[in-house]
Amino acid sequence: MTQTKHAKKDAEKRVGSYIVGETLGEGSFAKVKKGTHEDSGKKVALKFITHDADPQSDTVIRLRREITIQKSLHHPHIARLLEVIEIAQNETCLVVELVEGKDLIDYIQDFPENRVPEREALKLFRQITSAVHHLHENGIVHRDIKLENVMVSHDGSCKLIDFGLASHWSMSQALKTPCGSSVYAAPEILTRRPYRGPKTDVWALGVLLYCIITGRIPWAGNNTTEQLYNTLHGRWSTVECTSKSLSDLICGCLQPDQEARFGIYDVMESEWMKGEARKRVPKRKLSGTILNIEADGHKREFSLNTT
């Protein structure tokens, strides 16, 4: 083995003051590993990001934006960026607060039929919307809200993670870059139209809430084309054993028209979020499965009940 290979091997075991441990997740441009501070023993998440060496490249610009945004955020339900370590011209490590627990897609599988009871779902969703409200109030949109990007600790505390697609927004300028996972993407993103960032986050929140409650995606269909049609028209499948106020909230989030769709204040002030009303709504046809669409194109899927 050459000296260069030895050096690379050593660098993989330690970065800055942290000892590199097991892999927690991996995508096309980033790999997340568990880290331990060599002196304090504190556990962290080490996000290794590969990018172009050119400081003016799109990948570096996106990285700078991610760092700037996450450094500015201080909220109990948002994972904090603790440190930035430049490893090489084309690789940077973000040291992020580690949430000891599991992501929401794994969390909901601990419940019968992958369905989280409303009372428990309300506790989770209040925390998540609190984090998103903080983003929007500070001129930031996440643009990749999904089950995999919410971590739940052992005590039930939620934290929003992964700000790789986050961006700044303003009332005077629409966003144009289509991004995020297709299952959670609003119609305006799927049709590549200019969009209001906060409203696309709210759409994704509606999909996420639906998945937590039902254990499946909202869009019925025997194939991708049918599911896409239902997504574009906001035709989501209602379910039994949910309160009317919950159904109303999901309906407000999943309005295909951006103007008619709820904003984050509407979500937080909704009847269900205040813990009111328990009237049941009738069941309709179920939809499909929850897919974890990773950045590298691989899919993680778990089967769910259908009728």
Protein backbone atom coordinates (compact mmCIF):
# COMPACT_ATOMS: atom_id res chain seq x y z
CA MET A 1 0.00 0.00 0.00
CA THR A 2 1.38 3.42 -0.95
CA GLN A 3 1.86 6.32 1.45
CA THR A 4 -1.07 8.14 -0.18
CA LYS A 5 -3.36 5.18 0.42
CA HIS A 6 -2.19 4.96 4.05
CA ALA A 7 -2.94 8.66 4.53
CA LYS A 8 -6.42 8.28 3.02
CA LYS A 9 -7.16 5.29 5.23
CA ASP A 10 -6.13 7.23 8.34
CA ALA A 11 -8.22 10.22 7.25
CA GLU A 12 -11.28 8.00 6.99
CA LYS A 13 -10.85 6.94 10.62
CA ARG A 14 -10.48 10.45 12.06
CA VAL A 15 -11.55 13.92 10.98
CA GLY A 16 -10.60 16.97 13.03
CA SER A 17 -11.11 16.04 16.67
CA TYR A 18 -13.57 13.27 15.88
CA ILE A 19 -13.15 9.53 15.58
CA VAL A 20 -15.18 8.28 12.63
CA GLY A 21 -17.56 5.41 13.34
CA GLU A 22 -20.35 3.51 11.61
CA THR A 23 -22.21 4.71 8.53
CA LEU A 24 -25.66 6.15 9.29
CA GLY A 25 -26.74 6.99 5.74
CA GLU A 26 -25.47 7.52 2.21
CA GLY A 27 -26.49 9.38 -0.95
CA SER A 28 -24.98 10.45 -4.29
CA PHE A 29 -22.91 13.33 -2.90
CA ALA A 30 -22.85 12.72 0.84
CA LYS A 31 -22.23 10.03 3.40
CA VAL A 32 -23.23 10.36 7.06
CA LYS A 33 -21.23 8.58 9.75
CA LYS A 34 -21.37 8.56 13.52
CA GLY A 35 -18.54 10.47 15.14
CA THR A 36 -17.10 10.63 18.66
CA HIS A 37 -15.14 13.59 20.00
CA GLU A 38 -11.74 12.27 21.05
CA ASP A 39 -11.65 14.28 24.30
CA SER A 40 -15.23 14.70 25.51
CA GLY A 41 -16.66 11.51 24.01
CA LYS A 42 -19.60 13.47 22.63
CA LYS A 43 -21.46 11.69 19.81
CA VAL A 44 -22.15 13.61 16.60
CA ALA A 45 -23.22 13.00 13.02
CA LEU A 46 -20.45 13.56 10.46
CA LYS A 47 -21.80 14.47 7.03
CA PHE A 48 -19.08 14.01 4.41
CA ILE A 49 -19.94 15.96 1.25
CA THR A 50 -18.08 15.51 -2.03
CA HIS A 51 -18.11 18.58 -4.30
CA ASP A 52 -16.24 20.26 -7.13
CA ALA A 53 -12.89 21.88 -6.35
CA ASP A 54 -13.91 25.05 -8.21
CA PRO A 55 -15.24 27.51 -5.57
CA GLN A 56 -17.66 28.96 -8.15
CA SER A 57 -19.22 25.61 -9.07
CA ASP A 58 -22.88 24.87 -8.39
CA THR A 59 -22.02 22.15 -5.86
CA VAL A 60 -19.85 24.49 -3.81
CA ILE A 61 -22.45 27.27 -3.97
CA ARG A 62 -25.10 24.84 -2.70
CA LEU A 63 -22.77 23.68 0.07
CA ARG A 64 -22.11 27.26 1.18
CA ARG A 65 -25.84 27.91 1.22
CA GLU A 66 -26.49 24.79 3.31
CA ILE A 67 -23.81 25.83 5.81
CA THR A 68 -25.04 29.43 6.03
CA ILE A 69 -28.63 28.36 6.54
CA GLN A 70 -28.00 25.66 9.11
CA LYS A 71 -25.57 27.84 11.09
CA SER A 72 -28.28 30.49 11.40
CA LEU A 73 -30.88 28.13 12.84
CA HIS A 74 -31.37 27.68 16.58
CA HIS A 75 -34.48 25.71 17.41
CA PRO A 76 -35.15 22.73 19.69
CA HIS A 77 -36.57 20.68 16.81
CA ILE A 78 -33.86 21.38 14.24
CA ALA A 79 -30.55 19.51 14.29
CA ARG A 80 -27.76 22.03 14.95
CA LEU A 81 -24.67 22.46 12.80
CA LEU A 82 -21.77 22.35 15.26
CA GLU A 83 -18.68 22.66 13.09
CA VAL A 84 -17.43 22.67 9.50
CA ILE A 85 -14.22 20.82 8.63
CA GLU A 86 -12.56 21.19 5.22
CA ILE A 87 -10.95 17.85 4.44
CA ALA A 88 -9.76 18.56 0.89
CA GLN A 89 -10.50 20.88 -2.01
CA ASN A 90 -13.33 18.61 -3.06
CA GLU A 91 -14.57 17.28 0.29
CA THR A 92 -16.09 18.95 3.35
CA CYS A 93 -17.38 17.48 6.60
CA LEU A 94 -20.32 19.00 8.45
CA VAL A 95 -20.41 18.13 12.14
CA VAL A 96 -24.09 17.99 13.08
CA GLU A 97 -25.97 17.30 16.29
CA LEU A 98 -26.67 13.57 16.53
CA VAL A 99 -30.19 12.41 17.34
CA GLU A 100 -30.02 9.06 19.10
CA GLY A 101 -33.07 7.27 17.78
CA LYS A 102 -34.53 6.54 14.35
CA ASP A 103 -36.05 8.35 11.39
CA LEU A 104 -39.83 8.57 11.01
CA ILE A 105 -40.03 5.91 8.31
CA ASP A 106 -38.55 3.40 10.77
CA TYR A 107 -40.44 4.86 13.71
CA ILE A 108 -43.90 4.27 12.25
CA GLN A 109 -43.08 0.63 11.60
CA ASP A 110 -43.10 0.06 15.37
CA PHE A 111 -46.89 0.54 15.33
CA PRO A 112 -49.55 -1.99 14.27
CA GLU A 113 -50.19 -1.72 10.52
CA ASN A 114 -47.60 1.11 10.47
CA ARG A 115 -50.26 3.54 11.68
CA VAL A 116 -49.42 6.02 14.43
CA PRO A 117 -52.44 6.82 16.66
CA GLU A 118 -53.74 10.38 16.32
CA ARG A 119 -52.75 11.41 19.82
CA GLU A 120 -49.15 10.33 19.27
CA ALA A 121 -49.12 11.72 15.72
CA LEU A 122 -50.25 15.08 17.06
CA LYS A 123 -47.28 15.23 19.44
CA LEU A 124 -44.88 14.48 16.59
CA PHE A 125 -46.49 16.81 14.07
CA ARG A 126 -46.60 19.76 16.45
CA GLN A 127 -42.84 19.52 16.87
CA ILE A 128 -42.22 19.22 13.13
CA THR A 129 -44.47 22.16 12.24
CA SER A 130 -42.82 24.23 14.96
CA ALA A 131 -39.48 23.68 13.21
CA VAL A 132 -40.91 24.51 9.77
CA HIS A 133 -42.59 27.63 11.16
CA HIS A 134 -39.20 28.75 12.48
CA LEU A 135 -37.69 28.25 9.01
CA HIS A 136 -40.38 30.22 7.22
CA GLU A 137 -40.27 33.04 9.76
CA ASN A 138 -36.54 33.37 9.06
CA GLY A 139 -36.89 33.42 5.27
CA ILE A 140 -35.88 29.78 4.74
CA VAL A 141 -37.61 26.83 3.08
CA HIS A 142 -36.49 23.23 3.57
CA ARG A 143 -37.66 21.79 0.21
CA ASP A 144 -37.02 18.18 1.22
CA ILE A 145 -39.44 17.44 4.05
CA LYS A 146 -40.07 13.70 4.24
CA LEU A 147 -40.17 10.86 6.75
CA GLU A 148 -36.46 10.15 6.32
CA ASN A 149 -35.52 13.74 7.20
CA VAL A 150 -37.21 13.76 10.60
CA MET A 151 -35.39 12.02 13.42
CA VAL A 152 -37.20 10.84 16.54
CA SER A 153 -35.16 10.40 19.72
CA HIS A 154 -35.78 7.72 22.31
CA ASP A 155 -37.84 10.18 24.39
CA GLY A 156 -40.10 11.11 21.45
CA SER A 157 -38.45 14.41 20.58
CA CYS A 158 -38.33 15.23 16.84
CA LYS A 159 -35.62 17.06 14.94
CA LEU A 160 -35.63 18.14 11.30
CA ILE A 161 -32.40 17.23 9.49
CA ASP A 162 -30.65 17.54 6.10
CA PHE A 163 -30.65 21.08 4.74
CA GLY A 164 -28.89 20.20 1.50
CA LEU A 165 -31.81 21.48 -0.60
CA ALA A 166 -32.83 24.35 1.68
CA SER A 167 -33.00 27.85 0.25
CA HIS A 168 -33.87 31.40 1.15
CA TRP A 169 -37.21 32.77 0.02
CA SER A 170 -38.99 36.10 -0.16
CA MET A 171 -42.51 37.28 -0.95
CA SER A 172 -41.23 39.19 -3.98
CA GLN A 173 -39.52 36.33 -5.81
CA ALA A 174 -40.67 32.82 -6.68
CA LEU A 175 -38.34 29.83 -6.63
CA LYS A 176 -37.75 27.83 -9.81
CA THR A 177 -35.46 24.88 -9.05
CA PRO A 178 -37.42 21.60 -8.91
CA CYS A 179 -36.11 19.47 -6.06
CA GLY A 180 -37.08 17.01 -3.37
CA SER A 181 -38.65 13.55 -3.47
CA SER A 182 -41.44 13.05 -6.00
CA VAL A 183 -43.85 11.50 -3.48
CA TYR A 184 -43.70 14.69 -1.40
CA ALA A 185 -43.40 17.18 -4.29
CA ALA A 186 -46.20 19.68 -4.85
CA PRO A 187 -47.89 19.89 -8.29
CA GLU A 188 -46.10 23.14 -9.15
CA ILE A 189 -42.75 21.43 -8.66
CA LEU A 190 -43.73 18.34 -10.64
CA THR A 191 -44.90 20.55 -13.52
CA ARG A 192 -41.77 22.72 -13.23
CA ARG A 193 -43.61 25.97 -12.61
CA PRO A 194 -42.33 28.82 -10.39
CA TYR A 195 -43.40 28.19 -6.82
CA ARG A 196 -43.69 29.74 -3.39
CA GLY A 197 -41.28 27.88 -1.16
CA PRO A 198 -43.35 27.84 2.05
CA LYS A 199 -46.41 26.48 0.25
CA THR A 200 -44.38 23.54 -1.13
CA ASP A 201 -43.15 22.78 2.39
CA VAL A 202 -46.76 22.74 3.60
CA TRP A 203 -47.70 20.32 0.82
CA ALA A 204 -44.88 18.03 1.93
CA LEU A 205 -46.08 18.34 5.54
CA GLY A 206 -49.51 17.17 4.41
CA VAL A 207 -48.01 14.11 2.71
CA LEU A 208 -45.85 13.41 5.76
CA LEU A 209 -48.81 13.67 8.15
CA TYR A 210 -50.86 11.36 5.95
CA CYS A 211 -48.04 8.78 5.96
CA ILE A 212 -47.72 8.95 9.75
CA ILE A 213 -51.43 8.40 10.28
CA THR A 214 -52.08 5.76 7.61
CA GLY A 215 -48.75 4.05 6.96
CA ARG A 216 -48.97 4.69 3.22
CA ILE A 217 -48.67 7.46 0.64
CA PRO A 218 -51.77 9.51 -0.22
CA TRP A 219 -51.77 8.83 -3.95
CA ALA A 220 -53.82 5.87 -5.18
CA GLY A 221 -52.90 4.18 -8.44
CA ASN A 222 -51.70 0.94 -9.96
CA ASN A 223 -48.68 2.63 -11.54
CA THR A 224 -46.61 5.81 -11.42
CA THR A 225 -48.70 7.54 -14.09
CA GLU A 226 -51.93 7.07 -12.13
CA GLN A 227 -50.29 8.21 -8.89
CA LEU A 228 -48.87 11.28 -10.63
CA TYR A 229 -52.32 12.17 -12.00
CA ASN A 230 -53.81 11.99 -8.51
CA THR A 231 -50.94 14.05 -7.11
CA LEU A 232 -51.37 16.82 -9.67
CA HIS A 233 -55.10 16.99 -8.93
CA GLY A 234 -54.72 16.69 -5.16
CA ARG A 235 -56.78 13.50 -5.06
CA TRP A 236 -55.68 11.80 -1.88
CA SER A 237 -57.31 8.74 -0.38
CA THR A 238 -59.13 9.31 2.91
CA VAL A 239 -59.19 6.62 5.56
CA GLU A 240 -61.32 5.32 8.38
CA CYS A 241 -60.81 6.05 12.06
CA THR A 242 -59.53 9.59 11.66
CA SER A 243 -61.13 12.73 13.04
CA LYS A 244 -62.83 15.24 10.76
CA SER A 245 -60.42 17.93 11.94
CA LEU A 246 -57.46 15.81 10.83
CA SER A 247 -59.07 15.20 7.45
CA ASP A 248 -59.67 18.96 7.10
CA LEU A 249 -56.02 19.69 7.89
CA ILE A 250 -54.70 17.22 5.33
CA CYS A 251 -57.15 18.63 2.77
CA GLY A 252 -55.87 22.16 3.45
CA CYS A 253 -52.26 21.07 3.00
CA LEU A 254 -52.89 19.06 -0.17
CA GLN A 255 -54.65 21.72 -2.22
CA PRO A 256 -53.14 21.65 -5.75
CA ASP A 257 -53.71 25.41 -6.09
CA GLN A 258 -50.96 27.28 -4.22
CA GLU A 259 -53.31 30.17 -3.47
CA ALA A 260 -55.89 27.90 -1.84
CA ARG A 261 -53.35 25.79 0.05
CA PHE A 262 -52.73 26.36 3.75
CA GLY A 263 -49.74 28.35 4.91
CA ILE A 264 -47.77 27.30 7.98
CA TYR A 265 -49.90 29.59 10.21
CA ASP A 266 -53.07 27.90 8.95
CA VAL A 267 -51.56 24.54 9.83
CA MET A 268 -50.58 25.58 13.32
CA GLU A 269 -53.94 27.24 14.00
CA SER A 270 -56.01 24.36 12.62
CA GLU A 271 -58.57 22.63 14.80
CA TRP A 272 -56.68 19.33 14.86
CA MET A 273 -53.44 20.98 15.94
CA LYS A 274 -55.28 22.43 18.91
CA GLY A 275 -56.34 18.92 19.89
CA GLU A 276 -60.04 19.39 19.20
CA ALA A 277 -62.76 17.32 17.48
CA ARG A 278 -62.87 13.57 17.13
CA LYS A 279 -65.65 13.06 14.59
CA ARG A 280 -64.92 10.12 12.29
CA VAL A 281 -64.94 10.30 8.49
CA PRO A 282 -65.79 7.45 6.11
CA LYS A 283 -63.15 5.27 4.51
CA ARG A 284 -62.32 5.37 0.81
CA LYS A 285 -59.98 3.41 -1.43
CA LEU A 286 -56.45 3.06 -0.08
CA SER A 287 -53.27 4.01 -1.87
CA GLY A 288 -49.95 2.28 -2.24
CA THR A 289 -46.68 2.00 -0.33
CA ILE A 290 -44.25 4.42 1.21
CA LEU A 291 -41.08 4.65 -0.83
CA ASN A 292 -37.82 6.04 0.46
CA ILE A 293 -36.37 7.56 -2.71
CA GLU A 294 -32.71 8.03 -1.97
CA ALA A 295 -30.50 10.55 -3.74
CA ASP A 296 -28.56 7.77 -5.44
CA GLY A 297 -31.70 6.35 -7.01
CA HIS A 298 -32.11 3.35 -4.72
CA LYS A 299 -35.51 2.76 -3.14
CA ARG A 300 -36.35 1.47 0.32
CA GLU A 301 -39.89 0.16 0.51
CA PHE A 302 -42.08 -1.50 3.09
CA SER A 303 -45.41 -3.15 2.36
CA LEU A 304 -48.62 -1.77 3.80
CA ASN A 305 -52.15 -2.99 4.10
CA THR A 306 -54.55 -2.33 1.23
CA THR A 307 -58.18 -3.12 0.56
